[in-house]
Amino acid sequence: MPIGGGILPASGSTQYTELTYVTRRAFIPKLVVQLYNSTPLMAALIANSQSASGGVSQVTVPVQGSQFANAQWSDYSGSFNQPSVQQGAFNAEFNLKLMIAPVPFLGMEGAVQQDHAVIPLIEARMNDATNVMMDAMATALYNNTTNNQQFIGLPASISSSNPAAGNYGNIDRSTYAWWQSKQYAAGSVNPTRQNVLQYISGTVKNGAEVPSFGVCGFGTWTLLAQDYVGQEQYVITPGSGFDSDANGPQAAFRALMVAGVPIYPDPYCPEGTLYLLNTNYLSLYIHDQGSFVFTGFESTLPNWQIGYVGAVLMIAELVNTKPKSMTKVTGYNSLSL
């Protein structure tokens, strides 16, 4: 019930009460969502997702961790030592994780809203089911290291040690150093182009490939952006000015390029942390029958209630098949936003 004011009489007056009895409300027929955030990491993973299916260890990736053969120098005779068979291949094994978003639909709710709904609640719930799942997945991707029922996120997949939940991908990092990622402690400094460049260089030196992109928190990213903004220059076309340009001068950036690697802000990433990622090896594997699939509604009559319930399912897992090509940097300063 809105308070009185504007073109309405004072709240509580007889005129106000009478108007509420005989006047319809002027609804805006859309539901404005106040929750959730967009995330570049989830966008990249969904766009670059891979298909998986059933079986034990639903995502099994053969990886080479050591030499299959040895090279030798020889002389004019062309002789060489007898070769030995060496194990070079290992299986990285991952299990898909299940997320469920139940969607209720009360029978009398449908009767009340039929032909009179400003916002159909069932449509709002269906839309929210996807949003809340994306929010939960993005949260797990930046936080989870111990819960084996959730995605094993970046803190465990891009690390120099095994996650608390066990070996990563069933390969022991303490035994096989080639399964480790680089980790750096920035040391309570502001992120700058020069500073970030050294960690990109370290990533390439360690993994032999340039990262696809980097992600960090908005406060960390904004502090890095300040290293750019002070160097901006405006070039004016002779005979024209700012006011004659339809688009006007542009300042600042949506992505900060360092050595050809775009750095994006992500609201789910912890402040002070920078992840340098390689999408050639970091993928979200999604079950081919479990990508935001809806089960359909089933009656709740067996529970002595008139209504229905359905569920939206996501069966997937974050998989890193080459941890050494990615890097985690912690300890950056960040702005409070």
C-alpha atoms as a PDB file:
ATOM      1  CA  MET A   1       0.000   0.000   0.000  1.00  0.00           C
ATOM      2  CA  PRO A   2       1.727   3.233  -1.070  1.00  0.00           C
ATOM      3  CA  ILE A   3       1.811   6.198   1.255  1.00  0.00           C
ATOM      4  CA  GLY A   4      -0.177   9.304   0.381  1.00  0.00           C
ATOM      5  CA  GLY A   5       1.510  12.029  -1.584  1.00  0.00           C
ATOM      6  CA  GLY A   6       1.838  13.421  -5.055  1.00  0.00           C
ATOM      7  CA  ILE A   7      -1.521  13.304  -6.762  1.00  0.00           C
ATOM      8  CA  LEU A   8      -2.977  11.028  -4.036  1.00  0.00           C
ATOM      9  CA  PRO A   9      -4.707  12.399  -0.944  1.00  0.00           C
ATOM     10  CA  ALA A  10      -3.044  11.927   2.419  1.00  0.00           C
ATOM     11  CA  SER A  11      -2.701   8.328   3.571  1.00  0.00           C
ATOM     12  CA  GLY A  12      -5.373   7.385   6.107  1.00  0.00           C
ATOM     13  CA  SER A  13      -7.871   9.975   4.919  1.00  0.00           C
ATOM     14  CA  THR A  14     -11.339   8.895   3.878  1.00  0.00           C
ATOM     15  CA  GLN A  15     -10.652  10.047   0.309  1.00  0.00           C
ATOM     16  CA  TYR A  16      -7.506   7.887   0.166  1.00  0.00           C
ATOM     17  CA  THR A  17      -9.322   4.849   1.540  1.00  0.00           C
ATOM     18  CA  GLU A  18     -12.187   5.308  -0.911  1.00  0.00           C
ATOM     19  CA  LEU A  19      -9.822   5.574  -3.867  1.00  0.00           C
ATOM     20  CA  THR A  20      -8.134   2.285  -2.915  1.00  0.00           C
ATOM     21  CA  TYR A  21     -11.575   0.607  -2.927  1.00  0.00           C
ATOM     22  CA  VAL A  22     -12.569   1.692  -6.419  1.00  0.00           C
ATOM     23  CA  THR A  23      -9.318   2.176  -8.310  1.00  0.00           C
ATOM     24  CA  ARG A  24      -7.057  -0.398  -9.913  1.00  0.00           C
ATOM     25  CA  ARG A  25      -3.320  -0.233  -9.447  1.00  0.00           C
ATOM     26  CA  ALA A  26      -1.142   0.827 -12.371  1.00  0.00           C
ATOM     27  CA  PHE A  27       1.344  -2.074 -12.505  1.00  0.00           C
ATOM     28  CA  ILE A  28       4.441  -2.155 -14.673  1.00  0.00           C
ATOM     29  CA  PRO A  29       4.121  -5.663 -16.184  1.00  0.00           C
ATOM     30  CA  LYS A  30       7.702  -6.787 -15.594  1.00  0.00           C
ATOM     31  CA  LEU A  31       9.621  -8.171 -12.643  1.00  0.00           C
ATOM     32  CA  VAL A  32      12.841  -6.256 -11.986  1.00  0.00           C
ATOM     33  CA  VAL A  33      15.445  -8.634 -10.525  1.00  0.00           C
ATOM     34  CA  GLN A  34      17.530  -7.141  -7.717  1.00  0.00           C
ATOM     35  CA  LEU A  35      19.814 -10.154  -7.190  1.00  0.00           C
ATOM     36  CA  TYR A  36      22.751 -11.803  -8.953  1.00  0.00           C
ATOM     37  CA  ASN A  37      25.686 -10.524 -10.970  1.00  0.00           C
ATOM     38  CA  SER A  38      27.097 -11.134 -14.413  1.00  0.00           C
ATOM     39  CA  THR A  39      30.404 -12.992 -14.418  1.00  0.00           C
ATOM     40  CA  PRO A  40      32.930 -13.170 -17.278  1.00  0.00           C
ATOM     41  CA  LEU A  41      34.273 -16.504 -16.035  1.00  0.00           C
ATOM     42  CA  MET A  42      30.883 -18.238 -16.238  1.00  0.00           C
ATOM     43  CA  ALA A  43      30.238 -16.635 -19.631  1.00  0.00           C
ATOM     44  CA  ALA A  44      33.552 -17.968 -20.953  1.00  0.00           C
ATOM     45  CA  LEU A  45      33.031 -21.443 -19.484  1.00  0.00           C
ATOM     46  CA  ILE A  46      29.465 -21.797 -20.792  1.00  0.00           C
ATOM     47  CA  ALA A  47      30.500 -20.556 -24.244  1.00  0.00           C
ATOM     48  CA  ASN A  48      33.459 -22.953 -24.297  1.00  0.00           C
ATOM     49  CA  SER A  49      31.740 -25.874 -22.558  1.00  0.00           C
ATOM     50  CA  GLN A  50      32.455 -29.479 -23.506  1.00  0.00           C
ATOM     51  CA  SER A  51      30.061 -32.416 -23.631  1.00  0.00           C
ATOM     52  CA  ALA A  52      30.245 -35.372 -21.245  1.00  0.00           C
ATOM     53  CA  SER A  53      28.081 -38.443 -20.692  1.00  0.00           C
ATOM     54  CA  GLY A  54      27.895 -41.413 -18.330  1.00  0.00           C
ATOM     55  CA  GLY A  55      30.373 -43.949 -17.035  1.00  0.00           C
ATOM     56  CA  VAL A  56      32.662 -44.042 -14.022  1.00  0.00           C
ATOM     57  CA  SER A  57      34.880 -40.943 -13.843  1.00  0.00           C
ATOM     58  CA  GLN A  58      32.698 -39.281 -16.467  1.00  0.00           C
ATOM     59  CA  VAL A  59      35.541 -37.038 -17.640  1.00  0.00           C
ATOM     60  CA  THR A  60      38.775 -39.001 -18.090  1.00  0.00           C
ATOM     61  CA  VAL A  61      41.598 -37.225 -19.901  1.00  0.00           C
ATOM     62  CA  PRO A  62      44.909 -38.926 -20.785  1.00  0.00           C
ATOM     63  CA  VAL A  63      47.753 -36.537 -19.976  1.00  0.00           C
ATOM     64  CA  GLN A  64      51.486 -36.895 -20.608  1.00  0.00           C
ATOM     65  CA  GLY A  65      53.550 -36.115 -17.552  1.00  0.00           C
ATOM     66  CA  SER A  66      56.962 -37.552 -18.437  1.00  0.00           C
ATOM     67  CA  GLN A  67      59.030 -38.731 -21.402  1.00  0.00           C
ATOM     68  CA  PHE A  68      58.165 -41.790 -23.444  1.00  0.00           C
ATOM     69  CA  ALA A  69      61.646 -41.861 -24.976  1.00  0.00           C
ATOM     70  CA  ASN A  70      65.132 -40.463 -24.356  1.00  0.00           C
ATOM     71  CA  ALA A  71      67.320 -38.608 -26.831  1.00  0.00           C
ATOM     72  CA  GLN A  72      71.009 -39.480 -27.156  1.00  0.00           C
ATOM     73  CA  TRP A  73      74.036 -37.961 -28.818  1.00  0.00           C
ATOM     74  CA  SER A  74      75.979 -40.271 -31.094  1.00  0.00           C
ATOM     75  CA  ASP A  75      79.130 -40.296 -33.243  1.00  0.00           C
ATOM     76  CA  TYR A  76      80.117 -41.419 -36.725  1.00  0.00           C
ATOM     77  CA  SER A  77      79.167 -45.014 -35.885  1.00  0.00           C
ATOM     78  CA  GLY A  78      75.542 -44.079 -35.221  1.00  0.00           C
ATOM     79  CA  SER A  79      75.404 -46.343 -32.162  1.00  0.00           C
ATOM     80  CA  PHE A  80      73.035 -45.738 -29.273  1.00  0.00           C
ATOM     81  CA  ASN A  81      72.101 -47.263 -25.934  1.00  0.00           C
ATOM     82  CA  GLN A  82      69.319 -49.805 -25.676  1.00  0.00           C
ATOM     83  CA  PRO A  83      66.025 -47.935 -25.107  1.00  0.00           C
ATOM     84  CA  SER A  84      63.725 -48.748 -22.202  1.00  0.00           C
ATOM     85  CA  VAL A  85      59.940 -48.549 -22.046  1.00  0.00           C
ATOM     86  CA  GLN A  86      58.940 -45.602 -19.852  1.00  0.00           C
ATOM     87  CA  GLN A  87      55.542 -44.621 -18.497  1.00  0.00           C
ATOM     88  CA  GLY A  88      54.617 -41.201 -19.779  1.00  0.00           C
ATOM     89  CA  ALA A  89      50.795 -41.247 -19.772  1.00  0.00           C
ATOM     90  CA  PHE A  90      48.451 -40.805 -16.823  1.00  0.00           C
ATOM     91  CA  ASN A  91      44.684 -40.526 -16.505  1.00  0.00           C
ATOM     92  CA  ALA A  92      43.210 -37.337 -15.073  1.00  0.00           C
ATOM     93  CA  GLU A  93      39.789 -38.373 -13.785  1.00  0.00           C
ATOM     94  CA  PHE A  94      36.869 -36.163 -12.792  1.00  0.00           C
ATOM     95  CA  ASN A  95      33.326 -36.872 -11.632  1.00  0.00           C
ATOM     96  CA  LEU A  96      30.439 -34.674 -12.723  1.00  0.00           C
ATOM     97  CA  LYS A  97      28.525 -32.823 -10.002  1.00  0.00           C
ATOM     98  CA  LEU A  98      24.742 -32.491  -9.717  1.00  0.00           C
ATOM     99  CA  MET A  99      22.888 -29.266  -8.889  1.00  0.00           C
ATOM    100  CA  ILE A 100      19.098 -29.236  -8.434  1.00  0.00           C
ATOM    101  CA  ALA A 101      16.756 -26.237  -8.302  1.00  0.00           C
ATOM    102  CA  PRO A 102      13.258 -27.443  -7.258  1.00  0.00           C
ATOM    103  CA  VAL A 103      10.340 -25.413  -8.660  1.00  0.00           C
ATOM    104  CA  PRO A 104       7.029 -25.567  -6.745  1.00  0.00           C
ATOM    105  CA  PHE A 105       3.630 -24.724  -8.223  1.00  0.00           C
ATOM    106  CA  LEU A 106       0.668 -24.639  -5.835  1.00  0.00           C
ATOM    107  CA  GLY A 107      -2.658 -25.634  -7.314  1.00  0.00           C
ATOM    108  CA  MET A 108      -4.642 -22.721  -5.883  1.00  0.00           C
ATOM    109  CA  GLU A 109      -1.946 -20.297  -6.994  1.00  0.00           C
ATOM    110  CA  GLY A 110      -2.739 -21.211 -10.566  1.00  0.00           C
ATOM    111  CA  ALA A 111      -6.453 -20.787  -9.984  1.00  0.00           C
ATOM    112  CA  VAL A 112      -6.000 -17.341  -8.445  1.00  0.00           C
ATOM    113  CA  GLN A 113      -3.573 -16.065 -11.101  1.00  0.00           C
ATOM    114  CA  GLN A 114      -5.358 -17.432 -14.167  1.00  0.00           C
ATOM    115  CA  ASP A 115      -6.220 -14.510 -16.472  1.00  0.00           C
ATOM    116  CA  HIS A 116      -5.362 -12.034 -13.696  1.00  0.00           C
ATOM    117  CA  ALA A 117      -1.596 -12.325 -13.308  1.00  0.00           C
ATOM    118  CA  VAL A 118       0.560  -9.228 -13.575  1.00  0.00           C
ATOM    119  CA  ILE A 119       3.610 -11.464 -13.179  1.00  0.00           C
ATOM    120  CA  PRO A 120       2.918 -15.233 -13.481  1.00  0.00           C
ATOM    121  CA  LEU A 121       4.711 -16.645 -10.436  1.00  0.00           C
ATOM    122  CA  ILE A 122       5.520 -19.921 -12.178  1.00  0.00           C
ATOM    123  CA  GLU A 123       7.356 -18.031 -14.948  1.00  0.00           C
ATOM    124  CA  ALA A 124       9.239 -15.996 -12.350  1.00  0.00           C
ATOM    125  CA  ARG A 125      10.307 -19.170 -10.526  1.00  0.00           C
ATOM    126  CA  MET A 126      11.427 -20.865 -13.735  1.00  0.00           C
ATOM    127  CA  ASN A 127      13.502 -17.833 -14.692  1.00  0.00           C
ATOM    128  CA  ASP A 128      14.932 -17.578 -11.190  1.00  0.00           C
ATOM    129  CA  ALA A 129      15.900 -21.266 -11.129  1.00  0.00           C
ATOM    130  CA  THR A 130      18.489 -20.664 -13.860  1.00  0.00           C
ATOM    131  CA  ASN A 131      19.725 -17.449 -12.273  1.00  0.00           C
ATOM    132  CA  VAL A 132      20.148 -18.936  -8.816  1.00  0.00           C
ATOM    133  CA  MET A 133      22.004 -21.925 -10.273  1.00  0.00           C
ATOM    134  CA  MET A 134      24.390 -19.662 -12.178  1.00  0.00           C
ATOM    135  CA  ASP A 135      24.989 -17.696  -8.975  1.00  0.00           C
ATOM    136  CA  ALA A 136      25.714 -20.858  -6.980  1.00  0.00           C
ATOM    137  CA  MET A 137      28.039 -22.197  -9.688  1.00  0.00           C
ATOM    138  CA  ALA A 138      29.993 -18.927  -9.930  1.00  0.00           C
ATOM    139  CA  THR A 139      30.343 -18.860  -6.139  1.00  0.00           C
ATOM    140  CA  ALA A 140      31.662 -22.438  -6.052  1.00  0.00           C
ATOM    141  CA  LEU A 141      34.095 -21.759  -8.904  1.00  0.00           C
ATOM    142  CA  TYR A 142      35.905 -19.137  -6.824  1.00  0.00           C
ATOM    143  CA  ASN A 143      35.554 -20.704  -3.374  1.00  0.00           C
ATOM    144  CA  ASN A 144      35.101 -24.448  -3.175  1.00  0.00           C
ATOM    145  CA  THR A 145      38.105 -26.645  -2.367  1.00  0.00           C
ATOM    146  CA  THR A 146      36.727 -29.236   0.077  1.00  0.00           C
ATOM    147  CA  ASN A 147      33.158 -30.167  -0.883  1.00  0.00           C
ATOM    148  CA  ASN A 148      33.217 -33.053  -3.351  1.00  0.00           C
ATOM    149  CA  GLN A 149      29.523 -32.537  -4.146  1.00  0.00           C
ATOM    150  CA  GLN A 150      30.238 -29.102  -5.673  1.00  0.00           C
ATOM    151  CA  PHE A 151      32.457 -27.924  -8.514  1.00  0.00           C
ATOM    152  CA  ILE A 152      36.104 -28.117  -7.506  1.00  0.00           C
ATOM    153  CA  GLY A 153      36.818 -24.445  -8.138  1.00  0.00           C
ATOM    154  CA  LEU A 154      39.790 -22.343  -9.211  1.00  0.00           C
ATOM    155  CA  PRO A 155      41.495 -22.318  -5.772  1.00  0.00           C
ATOM    156  CA  ALA A 156      41.960 -26.097  -6.081  1.00  0.00           C
ATOM    157  CA  SER A 157      42.254 -26.574  -9.844  1.00  0.00           C
ATOM    158  CA  ILE A 158      44.843 -23.776 -10.209  1.00  0.00           C
ATOM    159  CA  SER A 159      47.165 -24.586  -7.337  1.00  0.00           C
ATOM    160  CA  SER A 160      50.571 -25.995  -6.471  1.00  0.00           C
ATOM    161  CA  SER A 161      49.129 -28.392  -3.876  1.00  0.00           C
ATOM    162  CA  ASN A 162      46.398 -30.998  -3.658  1.00  0.00           C
ATOM    163  CA  PRO A 163      42.944 -29.743  -2.644  1.00  0.00           C
ATOM    164  CA  ALA A 164      41.742 -30.594   0.841  1.00  0.00           C
ATOM    165  CA  ALA A 165      39.209 -32.960  -0.727  1.00  0.00           C
ATOM    166  CA  GLY A 166      41.999 -35.176  -2.161  1.00  0.00           C
ATOM    167  CA  ASN A 167      44.283 -35.391  -5.188  1.00  0.00           C
ATOM    168  CA  TYR A 168      43.282 -33.182  -8.094  1.00  0.00           C
ATOM    169  CA  GLY A 169      41.912 -35.260 -10.950  1.00  0.00           C
ATOM    170  CA  ASN A 170      43.187 -38.376  -9.113  1.00  0.00           C
ATOM    171  CA  ILE A 171      46.809 -37.305  -9.723  1.00  0.00           C
ATOM    172  CA  ASP A 172      49.015 -36.461  -6.746  1.00  0.00           C
ATOM    173  CA  ARG A 173      50.620 -33.039  -7.131  1.00  0.00           C
ATOM    174  CA  SER A 174      53.122 -33.724  -4.370  1.00  0.00           C
ATOM    175  CA  THR A 175      54.469 -36.628  -6.458  1.00  0.00           C
ATOM    176  CA  TYR A 176      54.127 -35.121  -9.934  1.00  0.00           C
ATOM    177  CA  ALA A 177      55.279 -31.495 -10.095  1.00  0.00           C
ATOM    178  CA  TRP A 178      54.104 -31.204 -13.717  1.00  0.00           C
ATOM    179  CA  TRP A 179      50.515 -31.267 -12.384  1.00  0.00           C
ATOM    180  CA  GLN A 180      51.065 -28.099 -10.347  1.00  0.00           C
ATOM    181  CA  SER A 181      50.151 -24.511 -11.203  1.00  0.00           C
ATOM    182  CA  LYS A 182      52.345 -21.537 -10.476  1.00  0.00           C
ATOM    183  CA  GLN A 183      51.364 -19.561  -7.378  1.00  0.00           C
ATOM    184  CA  TYR A 184      52.763 -16.137  -6.547  1.00  0.00           C
ATOM    185  CA  ALA A 185      52.406 -13.832  -3.553  1.00  0.00           C
ATOM    186  CA  ALA A 186      52.346 -10.260  -4.834  1.00  0.00           C
ATOM    187  CA  GLY A 187      53.261  -8.914  -1.419  1.00  0.00           C
ATOM    188  CA  SER A 188      50.701  -6.174  -0.665  1.00  0.00           C
ATOM    189  CA  VAL A 189      51.465  -4.058  -3.744  1.00  0.00           C
ATOM    190  CA  ASN A 190      49.191  -2.265  -6.180  1.00  0.00           C
ATOM    191  CA  PRO A 191      48.564  -4.184  -9.408  1.00  0.00           C
ATOM    192  CA  THR A 192      50.298  -2.408 -12.296  1.00  0.00           C
ATOM    193  CA  ARG A 193      51.024  -3.298 -15.910  1.00  0.00           C
ATOM    194  CA  GLN A 194      54.658  -3.981 -15.071  1.00  0.00           C
ATOM    195  CA  ASN A 195      53.752  -6.096 -12.066  1.00  0.00           C
ATOM    196  CA  VAL A 196      51.107  -8.158 -13.887  1.00  0.00           C
ATOM    197  CA  LEU A 197      53.475  -8.576 -16.835  1.00  0.00           C
ATOM    198  CA  GLN A 198      56.009 -10.448 -14.739  1.00  0.00           C
ATOM    199  CA  TYR A 199      53.389 -13.008 -13.694  1.00  0.00           C
ATOM    200  CA  ILE A 200      52.201 -13.440 -17.273  1.00  0.00           C
ATOM    201  CA  SER A 201      55.851 -14.046 -18.220  1.00  0.00           C
ATOM    202  CA  GLY A 202      56.145 -16.565 -15.389  1.00  0.00           C
ATOM    203  CA  THR A 203      53.039 -18.351 -16.644  1.00  0.00           C
ATOM    204  CA  VAL A 204      54.417 -18.614 -20.183  1.00  0.00           C
ATOM    205  CA  LYS A 205      57.801 -19.783 -18.912  1.00  0.00           C
ATOM    206  CA  ASN A 206      56.176 -22.471 -16.752  1.00  0.00           C
ATOM    207  CA  GLY A 207      53.456 -23.648 -19.141  1.00  0.00           C
ATOM    208  CA  ALA A 208      54.839 -22.664 -22.575  1.00  0.00           C
ATOM    209  CA  GLU A 209      51.587 -20.923 -23.546  1.00  0.00           C
ATOM    210  CA  VAL A 210      50.143 -17.429 -23.186  1.00  0.00           C
ATOM    211  CA  PRO A 211      47.039 -17.204 -20.952  1.00  0.00           C
ATOM    212  CA  SER A 212      43.715 -16.563 -22.700  1.00  0.00           C
ATOM    213  CA  PHE A 213      42.596 -13.965 -20.150  1.00  0.00           C
ATOM    214  CA  GLY A 214      42.804 -13.009 -16.499  1.00  0.00           C
ATOM    215  CA  VAL A 215      40.149 -12.331 -13.855  1.00  0.00           C
ATOM    216  CA  CYS A 216      40.260 -10.443 -10.581  1.00  0.00           C
ATOM    217  CA  GLY A 217      37.893  -8.644  -8.222  1.00  0.00           C
ATOM    218  CA  PHE A 218      36.454  -5.248  -9.164  1.00  0.00           C
ATOM    219  CA  GLY A 219      38.450  -3.419  -6.497  1.00  0.00           C
ATOM    220  CA  THR A 220      41.683  -5.049  -7.683  1.00  0.00           C
ATOM    221  CA  TRP A 221      40.831  -4.394 -11.340  1.00  0.00           C
ATOM    222  CA  THR A 222      39.981  -0.741 -10.694  1.00  0.00           C
ATOM    223  CA  LEU A 223      43.338  -0.229  -8.984  1.00  0.00           C
ATOM    224  CA  LEU A 224      45.050  -1.764 -12.028  1.00  0.00           C
ATOM    225  CA  ALA A 225      42.998   0.524 -14.305  1.00  0.00           C
ATOM    226  CA  GLN A 226      44.443   3.561 -12.534  1.00  0.00           C
ATOM    227  CA  ASP A 227      47.818   2.597 -13.980  1.00  0.00           C
ATOM    228  CA  TYR A 228      46.301   3.184 -17.442  1.00  0.00           C
ATOM    229  CA  VAL A 229      43.995   6.157 -17.001  1.00  0.00           C
ATOM    230  CA  GLY A 230      46.746   8.586 -16.020  1.00  0.00           C
ATOM    231  CA  GLN A 231      48.522   7.858 -19.316  1.00  0.00           C
ATOM    232  CA  GLU A 232      45.525   8.513 -21.577  1.00  0.00           C
ATOM    233  CA  GLN A 233      45.778  11.100 -24.328  1.00  0.00           C
ATOM    234  CA  TYR A 234      43.119  12.681 -26.511  1.00  0.00           C
ATOM    235  CA  VAL A 235      43.850  13.334 -30.186  1.00  0.00           C
ATOM    236  CA  ILE A 236      41.670  16.002 -31.781  1.00  0.00           C
ATOM    237  CA  THR A 237      41.045  16.008 -35.538  1.00  0.00           C
ATOM    238  CA  PRO A 238      42.089  19.401 -36.975  1.00  0.00           C
ATOM    239  CA  GLY A 239      39.094  21.669 -37.402  1.00  0.00           C
ATOM    240  CA  SER A 240      36.914  19.709 -34.978  1.00  0.00           C
ATOM    241  CA  GLY A 241      36.456  19.415 -31.236  1.00  0.00           C
ATOM    242  CA  PHE A 242      34.905  17.214 -28.607  1.00  0.00           C
ATOM    243  CA  ASP A 243      31.487  18.779 -29.145  1.00  0.00           C
ATOM    244  CA  SER A 244      31.471  17.999 -32.886  1.00  0.00           C
ATOM    245  CA  ASP A 245      32.162  14.267 -32.418  1.00  0.00           C
ATOM    246  CA  ALA A 246      28.892  12.362 -32.236  1.00  0.00           C
ATOM    247  CA  ASN A 247      30.437   9.685 -30.012  1.00  0.00           C
ATOM    248  CA  GLY A 248      32.548  12.002 -27.881  1.00  0.00           C
ATOM    249  CA  PRO A 249      35.947  11.148 -26.416  1.00  0.00           C
ATOM    250  CA  GLN A 250      36.308   7.742 -24.840  1.00  0.00           C
ATOM    251  CA  ALA A 251      38.124   7.122 -21.572  1.00  0.00           C
ATOM    252  CA  ALA A 252      39.067   4.040 -19.565  1.00  0.00           C
ATOM    253  CA  PHE A 253      38.483   0.423 -20.648  1.00  0.00           C
ATOM    254  CA  ARG A 254      36.257  -2.602 -20.311  1.00  0.00           C
ATOM    255  CA  ALA A 255      39.234  -4.967 -20.377  1.00  0.00           C
ATOM    256  CA  LEU A 256      42.809  -4.089 -19.447  1.00  0.00           C
ATOM    257  CA  MET A 257      45.337  -5.512 -21.929  1.00  0.00           C
ATOM    258  CA  VAL A 258      48.703  -6.556 -20.504  1.00  0.00           C
ATOM    259  CA  ALA A 259      51.100  -8.164 -23.006  1.00  0.00           C
ATOM    260  CA  GLY A 260      48.112  -9.125 -25.165  1.00  0.00           C
ATOM    261  CA  VAL A 261      46.243 -10.757 -22.262  1.00  0.00           C
ATOM    262  CA  PRO A 262      42.891  -9.091 -21.386  1.00  0.00           C
ATOM    263  CA  ILE A 263      42.211  -8.729 -17.671  1.00  0.00           C
ATOM    264  CA  TYR A 264      38.512  -8.685 -16.710  1.00  0.00           C
ATOM    265  CA  PRO A 265      36.790  -7.805 -13.420  1.00  0.00           C
ATOM    266  CA  ASP A 266      34.598 -10.501 -11.895  1.00  0.00           C
ATOM    267  CA  PRO A 267      32.302  -9.745  -8.932  1.00  0.00           C
ATOM    268  CA  TYR A 268      32.707 -13.285  -7.595  1.00  0.00           C
ATOM    269  CA  CYS A 269      36.526 -13.267  -7.559  1.00  0.00           C
ATOM    270  CA  PRO A 270      38.062 -12.544  -4.118  1.00  0.00           C
ATOM    271  CA  GLU A 271      39.726  -9.141  -3.934  1.00  0.00           C
ATOM    272  CA  GLY A 272      43.511  -9.153  -4.111  1.00  0.00           C
ATOM    273  CA  THR A 273      43.596 -12.324  -6.238  1.00  0.00           C
ATOM    274  CA  LEU A 274      44.381 -12.587  -9.950  1.00  0.00           C
ATOM    275  CA  TYR A 275      43.843 -15.770 -11.965  1.00  0.00           C
ATOM    276  CA  LEU A 276      45.548 -16.132 -15.348  1.00  0.00           C
ATOM    277  CA  LEU A 277      43.508 -18.712 -17.270  1.00  0.00           C
ATOM    278  CA  ASN A 278      43.939 -20.737 -20.449  1.00  0.00           C
ATOM    279  CA  THR A 279      40.667 -21.796 -22.044  1.00  0.00           C
ATOM    280  CA  ASN A 280      42.436 -24.402 -24.180  1.00  0.00           C
ATOM    281  CA  TYR A 281      42.639 -26.532 -21.037  1.00  0.00           C
ATOM    282  CA  LEU A 282      40.084 -25.062 -18.611  1.00  0.00           C
ATOM    283  CA  SER A 283      36.566 -26.171 -19.518  1.00  0.00           C
ATOM    284  CA  LEU A 284      33.176 -26.749 -17.979  1.00  0.00           C
ATOM    285  CA  TYR A 285      32.180 -30.305 -18.898  1.00  0.00           C
ATOM    286  CA  ILE A 286      28.390 -30.607 -18.994  1.00  0.00           C
ATOM    287  CA  HIS A 287      26.433 -33.856 -19.231  1.00  0.00           C
ATOM    288  CA  ASP A 288      24.686 -34.039 -22.590  1.00  0.00           C
ATOM    289  CA  GLN A 289      21.382 -34.770 -20.793  1.00  0.00           C
ATOM    290  CA  GLY A 290      21.926 -32.350 -17.905  1.00  0.00           C
ATOM    291  CA  SER A 291      22.378 -28.798 -19.156  1.00  0.00           C
ATOM    292  CA  PHE A 292      19.718 -26.778 -17.281  1.00  0.00           C
ATOM    293  CA  VAL A 293      17.257 -29.533 -18.143  1.00  0.00           C
ATOM    294  CA  PHE A 294      13.742 -29.409 -16.670  1.00  0.00           C
ATOM    295  CA  THR A 295      12.270 -32.637 -15.342  1.00  0.00           C
ATOM    296  CA  GLY A 296       8.669 -31.598 -15.923  1.00  0.00           C
ATOM    297  CA  PHE A 297       6.023 -31.156 -13.234  1.00  0.00           C
ATOM    298  CA  GLU A 298       4.764 -34.016 -11.098  1.00  0.00           C
ATOM    299  CA  SER A 299       1.654 -33.926  -8.906  1.00  0.00           C
ATOM    300  CA  THR A 300       2.032 -33.524  -5.134  1.00  0.00           C
ATOM    301  CA  LEU A 301      -1.217 -35.442  -4.509  1.00  0.00           C
ATOM    302  CA  PRO A 302       0.701 -38.425  -3.017  1.00  0.00           C
ATOM    303  CA  ASN A 303       1.694 -35.961  -0.248  1.00  0.00           C
ATOM    304  CA  TRP A 304      -1.962 -34.990   0.265  1.00  0.00           C
ATOM    305  CA  GLN A 305      -1.563 -31.581  -1.345  1.00  0.00           C
ATOM    306  CA  ILE A 306      -2.974 -30.073  -4.533  1.00  0.00           C
ATOM    307  CA  GLY A 307      -0.046 -28.793  -6.566  1.00  0.00           C
ATOM    308  CA  TYR A 308       2.979 -29.722  -8.611  1.00  0.00           C
ATOM    309  CA  VAL A 309       6.752 -29.755  -8.286  1.00  0.00           C
ATOM    310  CA  GLY A 310       9.492 -29.908 -10.905  1.00  0.00           C
ATOM    311  CA  ALA A 311      13.249 -29.431 -10.922  1.00  0.00           C
ATOM    312  CA  VAL A 312      15.921 -27.852 -13.082  1.00  0.00           C
ATOM    313  CA  LEU A 313      19.108 -29.964 -13.248  1.00  0.00           C
ATOM    314  CA  MET A 314      22.714 -29.125 -14.050  1.00  0.00           C
ATOM    315  CA  ILE A 315      25.247 -31.973 -14.214  1.00  0.00           C
ATOM    316  CA  ALA A 316      28.742 -30.621 -14.814  1.00  0.00           C
ATOM    317  CA  GLU A 317      32.255 -30.144 -13.491  1.00  0.00           C
ATOM    318  CA  LEU A 318      35.103 -27.673 -13.957  1.00  0.00           C
ATOM    319  CA  VAL A 319      38.066 -29.518 -15.491  1.00  0.00           C
ATOM    320  CA  ASN A 320      41.629 -28.252 -15.776  1.00  0.00           C
ATOM    321  CA  THR A 321      43.691 -30.589 -17.955  1.00  0.00           C
ATOM    322  CA  LYS A 322      46.935 -28.570 -17.848  1.00  0.00           C
ATOM    323  CA  PRO A 323      47.331 -26.773 -14.503  1.00  0.00           C
ATOM    324  CA  LYS A 324      50.885 -25.636 -15.294  1.00  0.00           C
ATOM    325  CA  SER A 325      49.554 -23.368 -18.063  1.00  0.00           C
ATOM    326  CA  MET A 326      47.674 -21.251 -15.494  1.00  0.00           C
ATOM    327  CA  THR A 327      48.660 -19.087 -12.534  1.00  0.00           C
ATOM    328  CA  LYS A 328      47.219 -17.739  -9.305  1.00  0.00           C
ATOM    329  CA  VAL A 329      48.524 -14.467  -7.841  1.00  0.00           C
ATOM    330  CA  THR A 330      47.469 -13.379  -4.343  1.00  0.00           C
ATOM    331  CA  GLY A 331      48.246 -10.456  -2.081  1.00  0.00           C
ATOM    332  CA  TYR A 332      47.399  -7.512  -4.322  1.00  0.00           C
ATOM    333  CA  ASN A 333      46.007  -4.347  -2.824  1.00  0.00           C
ATOM    334  CA  SER A 334      42.469  -3.424  -3.847  1.00  0.00           C
ATOM    335  CA  LEU A 335      40.088  -0.502  -3.602  1.00  0.00           C
ATOM    336  CA  SER A 336      36.990  -0.537  -1.422  1.00  0.00           C
ATOM    337  CA  LEU A 337      34.057  -0.014  -3.770  1.00  0.00           C
END
